[in-house]
N, C-alpha and C. Protein backbone atom coordinates (compact mmCIF):
# COMPACT_ATOMS: atom_id res chain seq x y z
N MET A 1 7.04 -17.50 -4.68
CA MET A 1 6.11 -16.80 -3.80
C MET A 1 6.62 -15.40 -3.43
N PHE A 2 7.92 -15.28 -3.23
CA PHE A 2 8.47 -14.03 -2.73
C PHE A 2 9.35 -13.31 -3.75
N GLU A 3 9.54 -13.90 -4.91
CA GLU A 3 10.35 -13.30 -5.96
C GLU A 3 9.56 -13.25 -7.26
N ILE A 4 9.89 -12.27 -8.09
CA ILE A 4 9.24 -12.14 -9.39
C ILE A 4 9.65 -13.34 -10.25
N PRO A 5 8.66 -14.06 -10.80
CA PRO A 5 9.01 -15.23 -11.62
C PRO A 5 9.62 -14.83 -12.96
N ASP A 6 10.48 -15.67 -13.46
CA ASP A 6 11.09 -15.45 -14.76
C ASP A 6 10.33 -16.27 -15.80
N ILE A 7 9.12 -15.77 -16.10
CA ILE A 7 8.25 -16.47 -17.05
C ILE A 7 7.85 -15.48 -18.13
N ASN A 8 7.92 -15.90 -19.37
CA ASN A 8 7.53 -14.99 -20.44
C ASN A 8 6.15 -15.39 -20.98
N PRO A 9 5.50 -14.49 -21.71
CA PRO A 9 4.14 -14.75 -22.20
C PRO A 9 4.01 -15.94 -23.13
N PHE A 10 5.10 -16.48 -23.68
CA PHE A 10 5.03 -17.64 -24.54
C PHE A 10 4.88 -18.94 -23.75
N SER A 11 5.12 -18.89 -22.45
CA SER A 11 5.04 -20.08 -21.61
C SER A 11 3.59 -20.43 -21.31
N ASN A 12 3.31 -21.72 -21.20
CA ASN A 12 1.97 -22.16 -20.79
C ASN A 12 1.71 -21.84 -19.33
N TYR A 13 2.75 -21.50 -18.59
CA TYR A 13 2.61 -21.17 -17.17
C TYR A 13 2.42 -19.68 -16.93
N TYR A 14 2.31 -18.89 -17.97
CA TYR A 14 2.15 -17.45 -17.83
C TYR A 14 0.69 -17.11 -17.54
N TYR A 15 0.45 -16.45 -16.42
CA TYR A 15 -0.90 -16.05 -16.00
C TYR A 15 -0.87 -14.58 -15.59
N PRO A 16 -2.02 -13.97 -15.32
CA PRO A 16 -2.02 -12.56 -14.90
C PRO A 16 -1.15 -12.28 -13.68
N TYR A 17 -0.95 -13.25 -12.83
CA TYR A 17 -0.14 -13.05 -11.64
C TYR A 17 1.34 -13.31 -11.89
N SER A 18 1.72 -13.55 -13.13
CA SER A 18 3.12 -13.86 -13.45
C SER A 18 4.03 -12.63 -13.50
N THR A 19 3.47 -11.44 -13.39
CA THR A 19 4.28 -10.23 -13.52
C THR A 19 4.90 -9.78 -12.21
N LYS A 20 4.57 -10.45 -11.12
CA LYS A 20 5.09 -10.03 -9.81
C LYS A 20 5.20 -11.23 -8.90
N ALA A 21 5.85 -11.02 -7.79
CA ALA A 21 5.95 -12.09 -6.79
C ALA A 21 4.54 -12.47 -6.32
N GLY A 22 4.34 -13.73 -6.03
CA GLY A 22 3.02 -14.22 -5.62
C GLY A 22 2.44 -13.47 -4.43
N MET A 23 3.28 -13.17 -3.43
CA MET A 23 2.78 -12.47 -2.25
C MET A 23 2.34 -11.05 -2.60
N ASP A 24 3.05 -10.39 -3.51
CA ASP A 24 2.64 -9.05 -3.94
C ASP A 24 1.29 -9.10 -4.65
N PHE A 25 1.07 -10.13 -5.43
CA PHE A 25 -0.21 -10.29 -6.12
C PHE A 25 -1.34 -10.48 -5.09
N ILE A 26 -1.09 -11.31 -4.08
CA ILE A 26 -2.10 -11.54 -3.04
C ILE A 26 -2.42 -10.25 -2.30
N ILE A 27 -1.39 -9.47 -1.95
CA ILE A 27 -1.60 -8.21 -1.25
C ILE A 27 -2.43 -7.25 -2.09
N GLU A 28 -2.16 -7.18 -3.38
CA GLU A 28 -2.95 -6.30 -4.24
C GLU A 28 -4.40 -6.76 -4.32
N GLU A 29 -4.62 -8.06 -4.30
CA GLU A 29 -5.99 -8.57 -4.27
C GLU A 29 -6.67 -8.16 -2.95
N LEU A 30 -5.91 -8.19 -1.87
CA LEU A 30 -6.46 -7.79 -0.57
C LEU A 30 -6.78 -6.30 -0.52
N TYR A 31 -6.00 -5.47 -1.25
CA TYR A 31 -6.33 -4.04 -1.34
C TYR A 31 -7.70 -3.86 -1.97
N GLU A 32 -7.99 -4.70 -2.97
CA GLU A 32 -9.28 -4.61 -3.66
C GLU A 32 -10.42 -5.15 -2.80
N HIS A 33 -10.10 -6.05 -1.88
CA HIS A 33 -11.12 -6.67 -1.02
C HIS A 33 -10.69 -6.55 0.44
N PRO A 34 -10.73 -5.33 1.01
CA PRO A 34 -10.19 -5.12 2.36
C PRO A 34 -10.95 -5.83 3.47
N SER A 35 -12.15 -6.28 3.23
CA SER A 35 -12.90 -6.96 4.29
C SER A 35 -12.65 -8.47 4.32
N THR A 36 -11.71 -8.95 3.50
CA THR A 36 -11.40 -10.38 3.45
C THR A 36 -10.92 -10.86 4.81
N LYS A 37 -11.52 -11.91 5.30
CA LYS A 37 -11.15 -12.46 6.61
C LYS A 37 -10.40 -13.77 6.50
N LYS A 38 -10.62 -14.51 5.40
CA LYS A 38 -10.01 -15.81 5.25
C LYS A 38 -9.44 -15.93 3.85
N ILE A 39 -8.21 -16.46 3.77
CA ILE A 39 -7.54 -16.63 2.48
C ILE A 39 -7.14 -18.09 2.33
N ASN A 40 -7.54 -18.67 1.23
CA ASN A 40 -7.14 -20.04 0.90
C ASN A 40 -6.16 -19.95 -0.26
N LEU A 41 -4.95 -20.42 -0.04
CA LEU A 41 -3.93 -20.38 -1.06
C LEU A 41 -3.57 -21.80 -1.47
N ASN A 42 -3.79 -22.10 -2.73
CA ASN A 42 -3.44 -23.41 -3.29
C ASN A 42 -2.21 -23.23 -4.16
N ILE A 43 -1.17 -23.97 -3.80
CA ILE A 43 0.09 -23.89 -4.53
C ILE A 43 0.32 -25.21 -5.26
N LEU A 44 0.60 -25.12 -6.54
CA LEU A 44 0.92 -26.30 -7.33
C LEU A 44 2.42 -26.34 -7.57
N LEU A 45 3.04 -27.43 -7.20
CA LEU A 45 4.48 -27.61 -7.39
C LEU A 45 4.75 -28.98 -7.99
N PRO A 46 5.86 -29.11 -8.68
CA PRO A 46 6.24 -30.46 -9.11
C PRO A 46 6.40 -31.35 -7.87
N SER A 47 5.94 -32.57 -7.96
CA SER A 47 5.91 -33.46 -6.79
C SER A 47 7.28 -33.64 -6.15
N GLU A 48 8.36 -33.57 -6.93
CA GLU A 48 9.69 -33.76 -6.34
C GLU A 48 10.12 -32.57 -5.46
N GLN A 49 9.42 -31.42 -5.57
CA GLN A 49 9.74 -30.26 -4.74
C GLN A 49 8.96 -30.25 -3.44
N ILE A 50 7.97 -31.10 -3.32
CA ILE A 50 7.14 -31.13 -2.11
C ILE A 50 7.78 -32.08 -1.10
N THR A 51 8.11 -31.54 0.05
CA THR A 51 8.75 -32.33 1.11
C THR A 51 7.85 -32.31 2.33
N PRO A 52 8.01 -33.27 3.24
CA PRO A 52 7.20 -33.27 4.47
C PRO A 52 7.43 -31.97 5.26
N GLY A 53 6.36 -31.40 5.70
CA GLY A 53 6.43 -30.16 6.49
C GLY A 53 6.56 -28.89 5.66
N PHE A 54 6.53 -29.01 4.33
CA PHE A 54 6.71 -27.84 3.47
C PHE A 54 5.57 -26.84 3.63
N GLU A 55 4.34 -27.34 3.83
CA GLU A 55 3.21 -26.43 4.04
C GLU A 55 3.42 -25.59 5.29
N ASN A 56 3.85 -26.21 6.38
CA ASN A 56 4.09 -25.48 7.62
C ASN A 56 5.21 -24.45 7.46
N LYS A 57 6.27 -24.82 6.74
CA LYS A 57 7.37 -23.89 6.48
C LYS A 57 6.87 -22.70 5.66
N THR A 58 6.00 -23.00 4.71
CA THR A 58 5.45 -21.94 3.87
C THR A 58 4.58 -21.00 4.69
N ILE A 59 3.76 -21.55 5.55
CA ILE A 59 2.91 -20.72 6.42
C ILE A 59 3.78 -19.87 7.34
N ASP A 60 4.84 -20.44 7.89
CA ASP A 60 5.76 -19.68 8.74
C ASP A 60 6.43 -18.54 7.96
N ALA A 61 6.85 -18.83 6.73
CA ALA A 61 7.48 -17.81 5.89
C ALA A 61 6.49 -16.68 5.58
N ILE A 62 5.26 -17.03 5.28
CA ILE A 62 4.24 -16.01 5.01
C ILE A 62 3.99 -15.19 6.27
N GLY A 63 3.98 -15.84 7.43
CA GLY A 63 3.81 -15.12 8.69
C GLY A 63 4.92 -14.11 8.92
N LYS A 64 6.16 -14.51 8.70
CA LYS A 64 7.30 -13.59 8.86
C LYS A 64 7.20 -12.44 7.86
N TYR A 65 6.86 -12.78 6.64
CA TYR A 65 6.73 -11.78 5.58
C TYR A 65 5.64 -10.76 5.93
N SER A 66 4.48 -11.27 6.34
CA SER A 66 3.36 -10.36 6.64
C SER A 66 3.67 -9.51 7.86
N GLU A 67 4.31 -10.08 8.86
CA GLU A 67 4.65 -9.31 10.07
C GLU A 67 5.64 -8.20 9.75
N ALA A 68 6.65 -8.51 8.95
CA ALA A 68 7.65 -7.50 8.58
C ALA A 68 7.01 -6.34 7.81
N TRP A 69 6.18 -6.67 6.83
CA TRP A 69 5.57 -5.61 6.03
C TRP A 69 4.47 -4.87 6.79
N ALA A 70 3.76 -5.55 7.69
CA ALA A 70 2.76 -4.86 8.53
C ALA A 70 3.47 -3.86 9.45
N GLN A 71 4.62 -4.25 9.97
CA GLN A 71 5.40 -3.35 10.83
C GLN A 71 5.90 -2.15 10.02
N ASP A 72 6.31 -2.39 8.79
CA ASP A 72 6.75 -1.30 7.92
C ASP A 72 5.60 -0.32 7.67
N ALA A 73 4.41 -0.84 7.41
CA ALA A 73 3.24 0.02 7.20
C ALA A 73 2.90 0.79 8.48
N LYS A 74 3.06 0.15 9.63
CA LYS A 74 2.81 0.82 10.91
C LYS A 74 3.76 2.00 11.07
N HIS A 75 5.03 1.81 10.71
CA HIS A 75 5.99 2.91 10.79
C HIS A 75 5.63 4.04 9.83
N LYS A 76 5.17 3.69 8.64
CA LYS A 76 4.75 4.70 7.68
C LYS A 76 3.54 5.47 8.19
N MET A 77 2.62 4.78 8.86
CA MET A 77 1.46 5.45 9.45
C MET A 77 1.91 6.45 10.50
N ALA A 78 2.84 6.03 11.36
CA ALA A 78 3.35 6.92 12.41
C ALA A 78 4.04 8.14 11.80
N ARG A 79 4.81 7.90 10.73
CA ARG A 79 5.51 9.01 10.08
C ARG A 79 4.51 9.98 9.44
N ALA A 80 3.48 9.46 8.80
CA ALA A 80 2.45 10.31 8.19
C ALA A 80 1.73 11.12 9.26
N LYS A 81 1.43 10.48 10.38
CA LYS A 81 0.76 11.18 11.48
C LYS A 81 1.66 12.29 12.04
N TYR A 82 2.94 11.98 12.20
CA TYR A 82 3.89 12.97 12.72
C TYR A 82 4.00 14.15 11.77
N LYS A 83 4.24 13.87 10.48
CA LYS A 83 4.38 14.94 9.50
C LYS A 83 3.10 15.77 9.41
N GLY A 84 1.97 15.08 9.41
CA GLY A 84 0.69 15.78 9.31
C GLY A 84 0.42 16.68 10.51
N THR A 85 0.69 16.16 11.69
CA THR A 85 0.44 16.94 12.92
C THR A 85 1.37 18.14 13.00
N ARG A 86 2.67 17.89 12.76
CA ARG A 86 3.64 19.00 12.80
C ARG A 86 3.33 20.04 11.73
N GLY A 87 3.04 19.57 10.53
CA GLY A 87 2.72 20.48 9.45
C GLY A 87 1.44 21.25 9.70
N LEU A 88 0.48 20.58 10.32
CA LEU A 88 -0.79 21.24 10.60
C LEU A 88 -0.62 22.38 11.60
N LEU A 89 0.21 22.19 12.61
CA LEU A 89 0.46 23.26 13.57
C LEU A 89 1.05 24.49 12.88
N SER A 90 2.03 24.26 12.01
CA SER A 90 2.63 25.37 11.26
C SER A 90 1.62 26.00 10.31
N ALA A 91 0.83 25.18 9.66
CA ALA A 91 -0.15 25.69 8.70
C ALA A 91 -1.24 26.51 9.39
N ILE A 92 -1.65 26.07 10.57
CA ILE A 92 -2.67 26.84 11.30
C ILE A 92 -2.12 28.20 11.70
N ALA A 93 -0.85 28.23 12.17
CA ALA A 93 -0.22 29.51 12.51
C ALA A 93 -0.16 30.41 11.27
N ALA A 94 0.24 29.84 10.12
CA ALA A 94 0.31 30.62 8.88
C ALA A 94 -1.08 31.07 8.44
N LEU A 95 -2.08 30.19 8.63
CA LEU A 95 -3.46 30.53 8.26
C LEU A 95 -3.93 31.74 9.07
N ILE A 96 -3.67 31.74 10.36
CA ILE A 96 -4.09 32.86 11.21
C ILE A 96 -3.38 34.14 10.79
N PHE A 97 -2.06 34.04 10.60
CA PHE A 97 -1.28 35.23 10.22
C PHE A 97 -1.69 35.75 8.85
N LEU A 98 -1.73 34.86 7.83
CA LEU A 98 -2.04 35.30 6.46
C LEU A 98 -3.48 35.78 6.32
N ASP A 99 -4.42 35.10 6.97
CA ASP A 99 -5.82 35.56 6.90
C ASP A 99 -5.98 36.89 7.63
N GLY A 100 -5.26 37.04 8.75
CA GLY A 100 -5.31 38.33 9.46
C GLY A 100 -4.77 39.46 8.59
N ALA A 101 -3.64 39.19 7.92
CA ALA A 101 -3.06 40.20 7.03
C ALA A 101 -4.00 40.47 5.86
N ALA A 102 -4.65 39.42 5.35
CA ALA A 102 -5.58 39.59 4.22
C ALA A 102 -6.78 40.43 4.64
N ILE A 103 -7.30 40.19 5.84
CA ILE A 103 -8.44 40.99 6.33
C ILE A 103 -8.03 42.45 6.48
N TRP A 104 -6.84 42.65 7.04
CA TRP A 104 -6.36 44.03 7.24
C TRP A 104 -6.16 44.73 5.90
N LEU A 105 -5.50 44.03 4.92
CA LEU A 105 -5.29 44.63 3.60
C LEU A 105 -6.62 44.86 2.87
N GLY A 106 -7.61 44.03 3.15
CA GLY A 106 -8.90 44.16 2.52
C GLY A 106 -9.67 45.40 2.96
N THR A 107 -9.24 46.04 4.02
CA THR A 107 -9.93 47.24 4.49
C THR A 107 -9.56 48.48 3.66
N PHE A 108 -8.49 48.37 2.88
CA PHE A 108 -8.09 49.49 2.03
C PHE A 108 -8.82 49.40 0.70
N SER A 109 -9.06 50.52 0.08
CA SER A 109 -9.80 50.53 -1.18
C SER A 109 -8.88 50.44 -2.40
N ASN A 110 -7.62 50.20 -2.21
CA ASN A 110 -6.66 50.07 -3.29
C ASN A 110 -6.81 48.70 -3.95
N ILE A 111 -6.91 48.67 -5.28
CA ILE A 111 -7.12 47.42 -6.01
C ILE A 111 -5.92 46.47 -5.86
N VAL A 112 -4.73 46.99 -5.84
CA VAL A 112 -3.52 46.17 -5.70
C VAL A 112 -3.54 45.48 -4.33
N LEU A 113 -3.89 46.21 -3.29
CA LEU A 113 -3.96 45.61 -1.95
C LEU A 113 -5.09 44.58 -1.84
N THR A 114 -6.17 44.80 -2.56
CA THR A 114 -7.29 43.85 -2.57
C THR A 114 -6.84 42.54 -3.25
N ILE A 115 -6.09 42.67 -4.34
CA ILE A 115 -5.58 41.47 -5.03
C ILE A 115 -4.60 40.73 -4.13
N ILE A 116 -3.71 41.44 -3.48
CA ILE A 116 -2.76 40.81 -2.55
C ILE A 116 -3.52 40.13 -1.41
N SER A 117 -4.56 40.78 -0.91
CA SER A 117 -5.38 40.22 0.17
C SER A 117 -5.99 38.88 -0.25
N GLU A 118 -6.53 38.82 -1.45
CA GLU A 118 -7.13 37.58 -1.95
C GLU A 118 -6.08 36.48 -2.13
N ARG A 119 -4.91 36.86 -2.61
CA ARG A 119 -3.82 35.89 -2.80
C ARG A 119 -3.33 35.33 -1.46
N LEU A 120 -3.31 36.16 -0.44
CA LEU A 120 -2.89 35.70 0.89
C LEU A 120 -3.86 34.65 1.44
N ILE A 121 -5.15 34.84 1.19
CA ILE A 121 -6.14 33.86 1.64
C ILE A 121 -5.93 32.52 0.91
N VAL A 122 -5.70 32.58 -0.39
CA VAL A 122 -5.43 31.36 -1.16
C VAL A 122 -4.16 30.68 -0.65
N ALA A 123 -3.11 31.46 -0.43
CA ALA A 123 -1.84 30.91 0.06
C ALA A 123 -2.03 30.23 1.42
N ALA A 124 -2.82 30.82 2.28
CA ALA A 124 -3.05 30.23 3.60
C ALA A 124 -3.71 28.86 3.49
N TRP A 125 -4.67 28.72 2.59
CA TRP A 125 -5.35 27.44 2.44
C TRP A 125 -4.49 26.42 1.68
N VAL A 126 -3.65 26.89 0.79
CA VAL A 126 -2.72 25.98 0.10
C VAL A 126 -1.76 25.37 1.11
N LEU A 127 -1.31 26.15 2.07
CA LEU A 127 -0.40 25.64 3.11
C LEU A 127 -1.06 24.54 3.96
N MET A 128 -2.36 24.51 3.99
CA MET A 128 -3.08 23.48 4.76
C MET A 128 -3.14 22.15 4.01
N TRP A 129 -2.88 22.20 2.69
CA TRP A 129 -3.09 21.02 1.86
C TRP A 129 -2.27 19.82 2.31
N TYR A 130 -0.96 19.96 2.42
CA TYR A 130 -0.11 18.80 2.71
C TYR A 130 -0.36 18.21 4.10
N PRO A 131 -0.49 19.01 5.13
CA PRO A 131 -0.79 18.40 6.44
C PRO A 131 -2.11 17.63 6.44
N VAL A 132 -3.12 18.19 5.81
CA VAL A 132 -4.42 17.50 5.77
C VAL A 132 -4.30 16.23 4.93
N ASP A 133 -3.54 16.29 3.84
CA ASP A 133 -3.31 15.11 3.01
C ASP A 133 -2.60 14.01 3.80
N TYR A 134 -1.58 14.37 4.56
CA TYR A 134 -0.87 13.37 5.38
C TYR A 134 -1.80 12.74 6.41
N LEU A 135 -2.63 13.56 7.03
CA LEU A 135 -3.50 13.03 8.09
C LEU A 135 -4.71 12.27 7.57
N THR A 136 -5.03 12.45 6.33
CA THR A 136 -6.18 11.73 5.78
C THR A 136 -5.73 10.67 4.78
N GLN A 137 -5.29 11.09 3.61
CA GLN A 137 -4.97 10.15 2.53
C GLN A 137 -3.79 9.24 2.86
N GLU A 138 -2.65 9.82 3.20
CA GLU A 138 -1.45 9.01 3.46
C GLU A 138 -1.70 8.04 4.61
N PHE A 139 -2.24 8.56 5.70
CA PHE A 139 -2.47 7.73 6.88
C PHE A 139 -3.37 6.55 6.55
N TRP A 140 -4.46 6.79 5.81
CA TRP A 140 -5.41 5.73 5.49
C TRP A 140 -4.85 4.73 4.49
N ILE A 141 -4.02 5.20 3.58
CA ILE A 141 -3.38 4.28 2.63
C ILE A 141 -2.51 3.29 3.38
N TYR A 142 -1.72 3.78 4.32
CA TYR A 142 -0.84 2.89 5.08
C TYR A 142 -1.64 2.01 6.04
N LYS A 143 -2.76 2.51 6.50
CA LYS A 143 -3.61 1.68 7.36
C LYS A 143 -4.18 0.51 6.55
N LEU A 144 -4.62 0.77 5.33
CA LEU A 144 -5.13 -0.30 4.46
C LEU A 144 -4.01 -1.30 4.16
N GLU A 145 -2.81 -0.78 3.91
CA GLU A 145 -1.68 -1.66 3.63
C GLU A 145 -1.40 -2.56 4.84
N ARG A 146 -1.42 -1.99 6.02
CA ARG A 146 -1.17 -2.77 7.24
C ARG A 146 -2.25 -3.83 7.43
N GLN A 147 -3.51 -3.46 7.22
CA GLN A 147 -4.60 -4.43 7.36
C GLN A 147 -4.46 -5.57 6.37
N SER A 148 -4.02 -5.24 5.15
CA SER A 148 -3.84 -6.28 4.13
C SER A 148 -2.77 -7.27 4.55
N TYR A 149 -1.67 -6.77 5.07
CA TYR A 149 -0.60 -7.68 5.52
C TYR A 149 -1.03 -8.47 6.75
N GLN A 150 -1.79 -7.85 7.63
CA GLN A 150 -2.27 -8.58 8.80
C GLN A 150 -3.27 -9.65 8.43
N ALA A 151 -4.02 -9.44 7.34
CA ALA A 151 -4.98 -10.44 6.89
C ALA A 151 -4.28 -11.73 6.45
N LEU A 152 -3.02 -11.62 6.08
CA LEU A 152 -2.27 -12.81 5.68
C LEU A 152 -2.08 -13.80 6.83
N LYS A 153 -2.27 -13.32 8.06
CA LYS A 153 -2.13 -14.21 9.22
C LYS A 153 -3.23 -15.27 9.23
N ASN A 154 -4.31 -15.02 8.52
CA ASN A 154 -5.43 -15.96 8.45
C ASN A 154 -5.39 -16.81 7.19
N ILE A 155 -4.21 -17.02 6.65
CA ILE A 155 -4.09 -17.75 5.39
C ILE A 155 -4.04 -19.26 5.66
N THR A 156 -4.69 -19.98 4.80
CA THR A 156 -4.62 -21.44 4.80
C THR A 156 -3.88 -21.83 3.53
N VAL A 157 -2.82 -22.61 3.69
CA VAL A 157 -2.00 -23.00 2.54
C VAL A 157 -2.18 -24.48 2.28
N LYS A 158 -2.40 -24.80 1.04
CA LYS A 158 -2.49 -26.20 0.60
C LYS A 158 -1.53 -26.35 -0.57
N ILE A 159 -0.57 -27.25 -0.42
CA ILE A 159 0.38 -27.49 -1.50
C ILE A 159 0.04 -28.83 -2.14
N ASN A 160 -0.18 -28.78 -3.43
CA ASN A 160 -0.55 -29.98 -4.20
C ASN A 160 0.45 -30.23 -5.30
N PRO A 161 0.61 -31.49 -5.68
CA PRO A 161 1.49 -31.78 -6.81
C PRO A 161 0.86 -31.28 -8.10
N GLU A 162 1.68 -30.77 -8.94
CA GLU A 162 1.23 -30.26 -10.23
C GLU A 162 0.81 -31.43 -11.11
N THR A 163 -0.37 -31.34 -11.69
CA THR A 163 -0.87 -32.43 -12.53
C THR A 163 -1.06 -32.00 -13.97
N ILE A 164 -0.67 -30.77 -14.28
CA ILE A 164 -0.85 -30.26 -15.63
C ILE A 164 0.28 -30.79 -16.50
N HIS A 165 -0.07 -31.46 -17.58
CA HIS A 165 0.91 -31.97 -18.52
C HIS A 165 0.82 -31.12 -19.77
N THR A 166 1.78 -30.24 -19.92
CA THR A 166 1.76 -29.36 -21.08
C THR A 166 2.76 -29.83 -22.10
N GLU A 167 2.67 -29.26 -23.25
CA GLU A 167 3.62 -29.56 -24.31
C GLU A 167 5.03 -29.21 -23.84
N GLU A 168 5.15 -28.17 -23.06
CA GLU A 168 6.45 -27.76 -22.54
C GLU A 168 7.05 -28.86 -21.64
N ASN A 169 6.22 -29.46 -20.78
CA ASN A 169 6.69 -30.55 -19.93
C ASN A 169 7.08 -31.76 -20.76
N GLN A 170 6.31 -32.07 -21.77
CA GLN A 170 6.59 -33.26 -22.57
C GLN A 170 7.89 -33.10 -23.34
N LEU A 171 8.23 -31.87 -23.74
CA LEU A 171 9.48 -31.65 -24.43
C LEU A 171 10.67 -31.85 -23.51
N LEU A 172 10.49 -31.58 -22.23
CA LEU A 172 11.58 -31.73 -21.26
C LEU A 172 11.79 -33.18 -20.87
N ASN A 173 10.78 -34.04 -21.00
CA ASN A 173 10.90 -35.44 -20.57
C ASN A 173 11.62 -36.29 -21.55
């Protein structure tokens, strides 16, 4: 559930979710379906690995996992907001200064000064890019990540004994 499985494509147990830890696969599914309110997780294990209370332990482990990663996403949101706000203040000051200089240079009829004036306007708006990106894209990405991890709190876990008899199992018996 929490570690990448060591399964190769030749195994009968290899599925699309075999390339990553089970919880990472679930989180990516939640990114695709952010409005998910209820998650039913069915886990198949060999019957000798199922012990009394294992479902509750699994739910507790998922709760700890989701809380830790939701908190991490919350910190990333705060960092993006901080960087965006601080950067935006600097960018607005630069925008005012560079646009003012561009307007002043634009009053001269010299072609070189006109080109410099236009470049200053472009530079002023380029400086706005990263702060706006932090406050919009970065912030919302981490918000979606946090919501996905928080959605795991509504998970229902059912652990069932594995009933699949594959050629691989028969060779081991």
